[in-house]
Amino acid sequence: MYRWLLALMIIVPAAELWGIIQVGHWIGGWQTFGLLLLTGFGGAWLARSEGRKVWLDAQRQLQSGQMPGRALLDGLCVLVGGLLLMMPGFFTDLVGVTLLLPITRPLYRLLLYGWLERKIRSGSLSIRRGPRRW
């Protein structure tokens, strides 16, 4: 797990830097900088908007006595998508937008659900309770 994380911490920034340099060569430095700012601010706005929708959906499910499982997975997708959009780079922006859009989010939700189900069935997922502070 740590090897994958280390590889991601090296490969993703290198790919993003390469992508920023390439786009800078194609459209110019200031336009690239403006595009990076636009995706950052646009991503923050989209994450806030979609996060509000997910929050309201979770509240509705709780009020009707249902467990908001789908809304929690959607909320996780919105959180990660918003964080990816605020990072400078075009590849993370592409993944971030697909995590935030309601049309493509169900794909990520199914992948996340399948990953969680495999972890629970294999017993490698454990939930630990923190210290009680009453």
C-alpha atoms as a PDB file:
ATOM      1  CA  MET A   1       0.000   0.000   0.000  1.00  0.00           C
ATOM      2  CA  TYR A   2       2.765   2.389   0.922  1.00  0.00           C
ATOM      3  CA  ARG A   3       4.627   1.641  -2.307  1.00  0.00           C
ATOM      4  CA  TRP A   4       1.559   2.616  -4.326  1.00  0.00           C
ATOM      5  CA  LEU A   5       1.169   5.790  -2.303  1.00  0.00           C
ATOM      6  CA  LEU A   6       4.825   6.684  -2.761  1.00  0.00           C
ATOM      7  CA  ALA A   7       4.581   5.996  -6.485  1.00  0.00           C
ATOM      8  CA  LEU A   8       1.495   8.218  -6.738  1.00  0.00           C
ATOM      9  CA  MET A   9       3.242  10.996  -4.834  1.00  0.00           C
ATOM     10  CA  ILE A  10       6.049  10.922  -7.403  1.00  0.00           C
ATOM     11  CA  ILE A  11       4.223  10.110 -10.643  1.00  0.00           C
ATOM     12  CA  VAL A  12       1.165  12.382 -10.302  1.00  0.00           C
ATOM     13  CA  PRO A  13       3.074  15.652  -9.687  1.00  0.00           C
ATOM     14  CA  ALA A  14       5.550  14.784 -12.455  1.00  0.00           C
ATOM     15  CA  ALA A  15       2.708  14.112 -14.911  1.00  0.00           C
ATOM     16  CA  GLU A  16       0.926  17.305 -13.846  1.00  0.00           C
ATOM     17  CA  LEU A  17       4.075  19.376 -14.320  1.00  0.00           C
ATOM     18  CA  TRP A  18       4.614  17.834 -17.729  1.00  0.00           C
ATOM     19  CA  GLY A  19       0.996  18.576 -18.665  1.00  0.00           C
ATOM     20  CA  ILE A  20       1.214  22.195 -17.489  1.00  0.00           C
ATOM     21  CA  ILE A  21       4.406  22.712 -19.501  1.00  0.00           C
ATOM     22  CA  GLN A  22       2.838  21.165 -22.610  1.00  0.00           C
ATOM     23  CA  VAL A  23      -0.306  23.279 -22.356  1.00  0.00           C
ATOM     24  CA  GLY A  24       1.901  26.322 -21.757  1.00  0.00           C
ATOM     25  CA  HIS A  25       3.727  25.611 -25.013  1.00  0.00           C
ATOM     26  CA  TRP A  26       0.443  25.194 -26.891  1.00  0.00           C
ATOM     27  CA  ILE A  27      -1.555  28.175 -25.627  1.00  0.00           C
ATOM     28  CA  GLY A  28       0.970  30.354 -23.803  1.00  0.00           C
ATOM     29  CA  GLY A  29       2.035  30.839 -20.215  1.00  0.00           C
ATOM     30  CA  TRP A  30      -0.499  33.433 -19.070  1.00  0.00           C
ATOM     31  CA  GLN A  31      -3.403  31.593 -20.680  1.00  0.00           C
ATOM     32  CA  THR A  32      -2.272  28.381 -18.953  1.00  0.00           C
ATOM     33  CA  PHE A  33      -2.049  30.197 -15.632  1.00  0.00           C
ATOM     34  CA  GLY A  34      -5.533  31.651 -16.179  1.00  0.00           C
ATOM     35  CA  LEU A  35      -6.904  28.242 -17.089  1.00  0.00           C
ATOM     36  CA  LEU A  36      -5.422  26.734 -13.917  1.00  0.00           C
ATOM     37  CA  LEU A  37      -7.021  29.500 -11.827  1.00  0.00           C
ATOM     38  CA  LEU A  38     -10.341  29.043 -13.613  1.00  0.00           C
ATOM     39  CA  THR A  39     -10.400  25.305 -12.959  1.00  0.00           C
ATOM     40  CA  GLY A  40      -9.475  25.894  -9.314  1.00  0.00           C
ATOM     41  CA  PHE A  41     -12.217  28.428  -8.652  1.00  0.00           C
ATOM     42  CA  GLY A  42     -14.727  26.608 -10.839  1.00  0.00           C
ATOM     43  CA  GLY A  43     -13.933  23.367  -9.037  1.00  0.00           C
ATOM     44  CA  ALA A  44     -14.453  24.997  -5.652  1.00  0.00           C
ATOM     45  CA  TRP A  45     -17.830  26.349  -6.773  1.00  0.00           C
ATOM     46  CA  LEU A  46     -18.903  23.006  -8.267  1.00  0.00           C
ATOM     47  CA  ALA A  47     -17.775  21.089  -5.175  1.00  0.00           C
ATOM     48  CA  ARG A  48     -19.716  23.445  -2.937  1.00  0.00           C
ATOM     49  CA  SER A  49     -22.838  23.150  -5.068  1.00  0.00           C
ATOM     50  CA  GLU A  50     -22.708  19.353  -5.359  1.00  0.00           C
ATOM     51  CA  GLY A  51     -21.739  19.013  -1.703  1.00  0.00           C
ATOM     52  CA  ARG A  52     -24.852  20.935  -0.700  1.00  0.00           C
ATOM     53  CA  LYS A  53     -27.015  18.624  -2.820  1.00  0.00           C
ATOM     54  CA  VAL A  54     -25.438  15.519  -1.300  1.00  0.00           C
ATOM     55  CA  TRP A  55     -25.863  16.941   2.211  1.00  0.00           C
ATOM     56  CA  LEU A  56     -29.568  17.615   1.614  1.00  0.00           C
ATOM     57  CA  ASP A  57     -30.008  14.132   0.165  1.00  0.00           C
ATOM     58  CA  ALA A  58     -28.381  12.580   3.257  1.00  0.00           C
ATOM     59  CA  GLN A  59     -30.608  14.633   5.547  1.00  0.00           C
ATOM     60  CA  ARG A  60     -33.709  13.524   3.624  1.00  0.00           C
ATOM     61  CA  GLN A  61     -32.688   9.894   3.904  1.00  0.00           C
ATOM     62  CA  LEU A  62     -32.031  10.212   7.638  1.00  0.00           C
ATOM     63  CA  GLN A  63     -35.368  11.949   8.239  1.00  0.00           C
ATOM     64  CA  SER A  64     -37.171   9.137   6.456  1.00  0.00           C
ATOM     65  CA  GLY A  65     -35.415   6.576   8.659  1.00  0.00           C
ATOM     66  CA  GLN A  66     -33.028   5.250   6.025  1.00  0.00           C
ATOM     67  CA  MET A  67     -29.278   4.813   6.291  1.00  0.00           C
ATOM     68  CA  PRO A  68     -27.683   7.358   3.918  1.00  0.00           C
ATOM     69  CA  GLY A  69     -25.160   4.915   2.428  1.00  0.00           C
ATOM     70  CA  ARG A  70     -25.376   6.173  -1.134  1.00  0.00           C
ATOM     71  CA  ALA A  71     -25.247   9.776   0.017  1.00  0.00           C
ATOM     72  CA  LEU A  72     -22.145   9.044   2.107  1.00  0.00           C
ATOM     73  CA  LEU A  73     -20.363   7.532  -0.887  1.00  0.00           C
ATOM     74  CA  ASP A  74     -21.474  10.493  -3.007  1.00  0.00           C
ATOM     75  CA  GLY A  75     -20.159  12.829  -0.333  1.00  0.00           C
ATOM     76  CA  LEU A  76     -16.789  11.091  -0.388  1.00  0.00           C
ATOM     77  CA  CYS A  77     -16.675  11.408  -4.173  1.00  0.00           C
ATOM     78  CA  VAL A  78     -17.533  15.117  -3.965  1.00  0.00           C
ATOM     79  CA  LEU A  79     -14.872  15.699  -1.307  1.00  0.00           C
ATOM     80  CA  VAL A  80     -12.127  13.969  -3.292  1.00  0.00           C
ATOM     81  CA  GLY A  81     -13.274  15.605  -6.540  1.00  0.00           C
ATOM     82  CA  GLY A  82     -13.187  19.060  -4.967  1.00  0.00           C
ATOM     83  CA  LEU A  83      -9.718  18.463  -3.562  1.00  0.00           C
ATOM     84  CA  LEU A  84      -8.453  17.239  -6.930  1.00  0.00           C
ATOM     85  CA  LEU A  85      -9.874  20.287  -8.685  1.00  0.00           C
ATOM     86  CA  MET A  86      -8.140  22.656  -6.291  1.00  0.00           C
ATOM     87  CA  MET A  87      -4.778  21.037  -7.008  1.00  0.00           C
ATOM     88  CA  PRO A  88      -2.881  22.640  -9.881  1.00  0.00           C
ATOM     89  CA  GLY A  89      -2.858  20.450 -12.958  1.00  0.00           C
ATOM     90  CA  PHE A  90      -5.038  19.240 -15.769  1.00  0.00           C
ATOM     91  CA  PHE A  91      -5.055  15.480 -15.176  1.00  0.00           C
ATOM     92  CA  THR A  92      -6.290  15.823 -11.604  1.00  0.00           C
ATOM     93  CA  ASP A  93      -8.844  18.354 -12.858  1.00  0.00           C
ATOM     94  CA  LEU A  94     -10.206  15.829 -15.326  1.00  0.00           C
ATOM     95  CA  VAL A  95     -10.632  13.174 -12.630  1.00  0.00           C
ATOM     96  CA  GLY A  96     -12.008  15.786 -10.200  1.00  0.00           C
ATOM     97  CA  VAL A  97     -14.691  16.934 -12.635  1.00  0.00           C
ATOM     98  CA  THR A  98     -15.802  13.378 -13.316  1.00  0.00           C
ATOM     99  CA  LEU A  99     -16.061  12.778  -9.558  1.00  0.00           C
ATOM    100  CA  LEU A 100     -18.246  15.859  -9.133  1.00  0.00           C
ATOM    101  CA  LEU A 101     -20.618  15.488 -12.049  1.00  0.00           C
ATOM    102  CA  PRO A 102     -23.823  13.620 -11.155  1.00  0.00           C
ATOM    103  CA  ILE A 103     -23.698  11.822 -14.519  1.00  0.00           C
ATOM    104  CA  THR A 104     -20.302  10.164 -13.950  1.00  0.00           C
ATOM    105  CA  ARG A 105     -20.304   9.924 -10.135  1.00  0.00           C
ATOM    106  CA  PRO A 106     -22.299   6.632 -10.032  1.00  0.00           C
ATOM    107  CA  LEU A 107     -19.368   4.864 -11.737  1.00  0.00           C
ATOM    108  CA  TYR A 108     -17.007   5.951  -8.965  1.00  0.00           C
ATOM    109  CA  ARG A 109     -19.642   5.126  -6.356  1.00  0.00           C
ATOM    110  CA  LEU A 110     -19.903   1.562  -7.697  1.00  0.00           C
ATOM    111  CA  LEU A 111     -16.118   1.196  -7.736  1.00  0.00           C
ATOM    112  CA  LEU A 112     -15.884   2.481  -4.166  1.00  0.00           C
ATOM    113  CA  TYR A 113     -18.727   0.222  -3.054  1.00  0.00           C
ATOM    114  CA  GLY A 114     -17.075  -2.811  -4.637  1.00  0.00           C
ATOM    115  CA  TRP A 115     -13.732  -1.966  -3.012  1.00  0.00           C
ATOM    116  CA  LEU A 116     -15.380  -1.579   0.413  1.00  0.00           C
ATOM    117  CA  GLU A 117     -17.300  -4.826  -0.020  1.00  0.00           C
ATOM    118  CA  ARG A 118     -14.112  -6.738  -0.898  1.00  0.00           C
ATOM    119  CA  LYS A 119     -12.303  -5.259   2.116  1.00  0.00           C
ATOM    120  CA  ILE A 120     -15.136  -6.174   4.482  1.00  0.00           C
ATOM    121  CA  ARG A 121     -15.517  -9.721   3.108  1.00  0.00           C
ATOM    122  CA  SER A 122     -11.782 -10.393   3.366  1.00  0.00           C
ATOM    123  CA  GLY A 123     -11.667  -9.015   6.889  1.00  0.00           C
ATOM    124  CA  SER A 124      -8.951  -6.491   6.054  1.00  0.00           C
ATOM    125  CA  LEU A 125     -11.160  -3.525   6.907  1.00  0.00           C
ATOM    126  CA  SER A 126     -11.482  -2.839  10.568  1.00  0.00           C
ATOM    127  CA  ILE A 127     -13.259  -0.027  12.306  1.00  0.00           C
ATOM    128  CA  ARG A 128     -11.681   1.095  15.523  1.00  0.00           C
ATOM    129  CA  ARG A 129     -13.403   3.106  18.131  1.00  0.00           C
ATOM    130  CA  GLY A 130     -11.471   6.019  19.569  1.00  0.00           C
ATOM    131  CA  PRO A 131     -11.173   6.709  23.282  1.00  0.00           C
ATOM    132  CA  ARG A 132     -14.394   7.673  24.991  1.00  0.00           C
ATOM    133  CA  ARG A 133     -14.479  11.187  26.326  1.00  0.00           C
ATOM    134  CA  TRP A 134     -17.630  11.572  28.346  1.00  0.00           C
END
